[in-house]
Amino acid sequence: MSLRRRLLTMVFVVLGLCLVAGSALTYWHSVRKVDIEMISAEEVGVSALRDALLAAHDPTSDARLQIRRVLSAFDGDRHLKVRLVSPTGDILERSRVPPPADPAPEWLFALLTGERSPRVIELPPHMRALGHIEVEAQPANEISEVWEDAKLKLLIIGGFCALVLALTYATLGSALRPLETLSAALARGGKGDYRVQVDET
């Protein structure tokens, strides 16, 4: 293998290792970001839900209608799904989570999320016969943002690596050309061709 190819291989390996290390750091940061965002969304949602249920405390009004109004306030929330679950486990009412504009691949979703149980909120006494409310974090939109960031970073890093390799190849080609010429002349001399000459440069 020529000196230029050996040097290019070494540069390629170094860039590859940097890319692997950067990917590992990006993965760790993404897992942490999604986890923190989901915990925060759950805490805020549970607190807002409890306040709304206390404000809706009207024993004379239809309990299910009150809960429907409370849950409709969560429609469009990108990170939370809230549902009314009957004592038999049926879902009576639920909020609607908008789907991500650019859904992340399933493998990324599996990498960034773990098992997370929904938070259970007990209803006020006059509503308790309806069951309970569950608050569940929905990481799909957050992972979609992570996916967008990862694609942009990969594009930038890939372009940078390609530029570095191209510049390295061009620079080494210019710098090592005299050595390659001398090496080829010595090889010919080693085979008995003593007429070969090398310019004095």
Protein backbone atom coordinates (compact mmCIF):
# COMPACT_ATOMS: atom_id res chain seq x y z
CA MET A 1 0.00 0.00 0.00
CA SER A 2 1.34 3.43 -0.94
CA LEU A 3 2.19 6.05 1.69
CA ARG A 4 -0.69 8.23 0.54
CA ARG A 5 -3.22 5.42 0.96
CA ARG A 6 -1.84 4.54 4.38
CA LEU A 7 -2.16 8.15 5.54
CA LEU A 8 -5.67 8.42 4.07
CA THR A 9 -6.66 5.19 5.80
CA MET A 10 -5.37 6.53 9.11
CA VAL A 11 -7.31 9.80 8.67
CA PHE A 12 -10.43 7.81 7.72
CA VAL A 13 -10.12 5.65 10.85
CA VAL A 14 -9.68 8.71 13.08
CA LEU A 15 -12.72 10.40 11.53
CA GLY A 16 -14.71 7.18 11.93
CA LEU A 17 -13.82 6.94 15.62
CA CYS A 18 -14.81 10.59 16.13
CA LEU A 19 -18.12 9.87 14.40
CA VAL A 20 -18.78 6.86 16.65
CA ALA A 21 -17.92 8.87 19.78
CA GLY A 22 -20.14 11.74 18.61
CA SER A 23 -23.00 9.32 17.92
CA ALA A 24 -22.68 7.83 21.42
CA LEU A 25 -22.75 11.29 23.02
CA THR A 26 -25.72 12.31 20.86
CA TYR A 27 -27.58 9.15 21.89
CA TRP A 28 -26.93 9.76 25.59
CA HIS A 29 -28.03 13.40 25.28
CA SER A 30 -31.17 12.40 23.35
CA VAL A 31 -32.23 9.79 25.91
CA ARG A 32 -31.73 12.30 28.71
CA LYS A 33 -33.58 15.05 26.81
CA VAL A 34 -36.60 12.85 26.07
CA ASP A 35 -36.71 11.53 29.65
CA ILE A 36 -36.52 15.01 31.22
CA GLU A 37 -39.15 16.37 28.83
CA MET A 38 -41.56 13.51 29.57
CA ILE A 39 -41.12 13.77 33.35
CA SER A 40 -41.66 17.54 33.22
CA ALA A 41 -44.74 17.17 31.00
CA GLU A 42 -46.21 14.58 33.37
CA GLU A 43 -45.63 16.72 36.45
CA VAL A 44 -47.14 19.83 34.86
CA GLY A 45 -50.06 17.81 33.45
CA VAL A 46 -50.87 16.10 36.74
CA SER A 47 -50.75 19.39 38.62
CA ALA A 48 -52.97 21.16 36.05
CA LEU A 49 -55.39 18.23 36.02
CA ARG A 50 -55.77 18.20 39.79
CA ASP A 51 -56.38 21.95 39.84
CA ALA A 52 -58.96 21.65 37.04
CA LEU A 53 -60.78 18.82 38.84
CA LEU A 54 -60.95 20.88 42.03
CA ALA A 55 -62.31 23.86 40.08
CA ALA A 56 -64.91 21.61 38.42
CA HIS A 57 -66.25 20.43 41.78
CA ASP A 58 -69.98 20.88 41.18
CA PRO A 59 -72.05 17.94 42.53
CA THR A 60 -75.18 19.27 40.80
CA SER A 61 -73.67 19.12 37.31
CA ASP A 62 -73.17 16.04 35.11
CA ALA A 63 -69.88 14.49 36.28
CA ARG A 64 -68.94 12.99 32.92
CA LEU A 65 -69.56 16.28 31.15
CA GLN A 66 -67.32 18.06 33.66
CA ILE A 67 -64.54 15.52 33.07
CA ARG A 68 -64.97 15.82 29.30
CA ARG A 69 -64.44 19.57 29.57
CA VAL A 70 -61.35 19.06 31.73
CA LEU A 71 -59.86 16.51 29.33
CA SER A 72 -60.62 18.67 26.26
CA ALA A 73 -58.21 21.26 27.67
CA PHE A 74 -55.43 18.73 26.96
CA ASP A 75 -56.40 18.29 23.30
CA GLY A 76 -53.41 19.22 21.15
CA ASP A 77 -50.86 18.66 23.93
CA ARG A 78 -47.81 17.24 22.16
CA HIS A 79 -46.47 15.31 25.15
CA LEU A 80 -49.45 14.03 27.15
CA LYS A 81 -52.43 11.75 26.67
CA VAL A 82 -55.14 11.99 29.33
CA ARG A 83 -58.01 9.52 29.53
CA LEU A 84 -60.93 8.63 31.75
CA VAL A 85 -60.87 4.91 32.55
CA SER A 86 -63.95 3.18 33.92
CA PRO A 87 -63.77 0.71 36.85
CA THR A 88 -63.99 -2.11 34.27
CA GLY A 89 -61.00 -0.74 32.31
CA ASP A 90 -62.91 0.81 29.40
CA ILE A 91 -61.73 4.18 28.09
CA LEU A 92 -64.69 6.57 28.34
CA GLU A 93 -63.05 9.85 27.35
CA ARG A 94 -59.60 10.79 26.07
CA SER A 95 -57.60 13.77 24.91
CA ARG A 96 -56.12 13.90 21.41
CA VAL A 97 -52.39 14.05 20.77
CA PRO A 98 -51.35 15.52 17.38
CA PRO A 99 -49.16 13.17 15.34
CA PRO A 100 -45.57 14.27 14.60
CA ALA A 101 -45.00 15.99 11.26
CA ASP A 102 -41.96 13.80 10.55
CA PRO A 103 -42.29 10.55 12.54
CA ALA A 104 -39.04 8.98 13.72
CA PRO A 105 -38.22 5.42 12.64
CA GLU A 106 -39.42 2.62 14.90
CA TRP A 107 -35.86 1.58 15.80
CA LEU A 108 -35.07 5.06 17.10
CA PHE A 109 -38.32 5.14 19.07
CA ALA A 110 -37.37 1.80 20.67
CA LEU A 111 -33.84 3.07 21.47
CA LEU A 112 -34.94 6.29 23.16
CA THR A 113 -37.95 5.12 25.17
CA GLY A 114 -38.40 2.64 27.96
CA GLU A 115 -41.42 1.26 29.75
CA ARG A 116 -43.33 4.07 31.42
CA SER A 117 -46.50 3.47 33.43
CA PRO A 118 -49.29 6.05 33.30
CA ARG A 119 -49.92 8.24 36.34
CA VAL A 120 -53.27 7.53 38.00
CA ILE A 121 -55.37 10.44 39.29
CA GLU A 122 -58.26 9.69 41.62
CA LEU A 123 -61.47 11.58 40.91
CA PRO A 124 -63.33 13.70 43.48
CA PRO A 125 -65.88 11.72 45.54
CA HIS A 126 -68.95 12.73 43.48
CA MET A 127 -67.19 11.57 40.27
CA ARG A 128 -65.50 8.45 41.61
CA ALA A 129 -68.14 6.06 40.25
CA LEU A 130 -66.87 6.90 36.75
CA GLY A 131 -63.45 5.39 37.50
CA HIS A 132 -60.13 7.25 37.44
CA ILE A 133 -58.00 9.41 35.14
CA GLU A 134 -54.71 8.26 33.65
CA VAL A 135 -51.98 10.64 32.49
CA GLU A 136 -49.51 9.07 30.06
CA ALA A 137 -46.45 10.69 28.50
CA GLN A 138 -46.33 10.56 24.70
CA PRO A 139 -42.70 10.88 23.49
CA ALA A 140 -43.41 10.59 19.74
CA ASN A 141 -43.29 14.34 19.05
CA GLU A 142 -40.17 14.85 21.18
CA ILE A 143 -38.41 11.95 19.45
CA SER A 144 -39.42 13.47 16.12
CA GLU A 145 -37.54 16.64 17.12
CA VAL A 146 -34.53 14.54 18.14
CA TRP A 147 -34.70 12.77 14.75
CA GLU A 148 -34.71 16.11 12.90
CA ASP A 149 -31.69 17.30 14.92
CA ALA A 150 -29.85 14.01 14.37
CA LYS A 151 -30.38 14.14 10.59
CA LEU A 152 -29.06 17.71 10.45
CA LYS A 153 -26.02 16.83 12.58
CA LEU A 154 -25.31 13.74 10.48
CA LEU A 155 -25.50 15.81 7.30
CA ILE A 156 -23.09 18.42 8.71
CA ILE A 157 -20.64 15.85 10.10
CA GLY A 158 -20.79 13.73 6.93
CA GLY A 159 -20.10 16.78 4.78
CA PHE A 160 -17.23 17.80 7.08
CA CYS A 161 -15.66 14.32 6.93
CA ALA A 162 -15.98 14.20 3.13
CA LEU A 163 -14.36 17.65 2.87
CA VAL A 164 -11.51 16.66 5.19
CA LEU A 165 -10.85 13.47 3.21
CA ALA A 166 -10.93 15.33 -0.12
CA LEU A 167 -8.56 18.05 1.11
CA THR A 168 -6.27 15.46 2.70
CA TYR A 169 -6.19 13.45 -0.53
CA ALA A 170 -5.36 16.53 -2.62
CA THR A 171 -2.73 17.80 -0.16
CA LEU A 172 -1.04 14.43 0.20
CA GLY A 173 -1.08 13.94 -3.56
CA SER A 174 0.80 17.20 -4.07
CA ALA A 175 3.17 16.76 -1.09
CA LEU A 176 4.01 13.10 -1.67
CA ARG A 177 4.32 13.11 -5.46
CA PRO A 178 8.16 13.52 -5.36
CA LEU A 179 8.44 10.63 -2.88
CA GLU A 180 6.21 8.42 -5.00
CA THR A 181 8.29 9.26 -8.11
CA LEU A 182 11.50 8.41 -6.23
CA SER A 183 9.96 5.20 -4.86
CA ALA A 184 8.91 4.11 -8.37
CA ALA A 185 12.41 4.88 -9.73
CA LEU A 186 14.05 2.87 -6.93
CA ALA A 187 11.71 -0.04 -7.63
CA ARG A 188 12.71 0.00 -11.30
CA GLY A 189 16.36 0.17 -10.30
CA GLY A 190 15.83 -2.79 -8.03
CA LYS A 191 14.61 -4.73 -11.03
CA GLY A 192 17.77 -3.91 -12.99
CA ASP A 193 16.61 -0.88 -14.98
CA TYR A 194 19.52 1.50 -14.25
CA ARG A 195 18.59 3.98 -16.98
CA VAL A 196 15.79 5.54 -14.91
CA GLN A 197 16.35 9.12 -13.85
CA VAL A 198 14.57 11.35 -11.32
CA ASP A 199 14.36 15.11 -11.68
CA GLU A 200 16.20 17.09 -9.04
CA THR A 201 13.35 18.77 -7.15
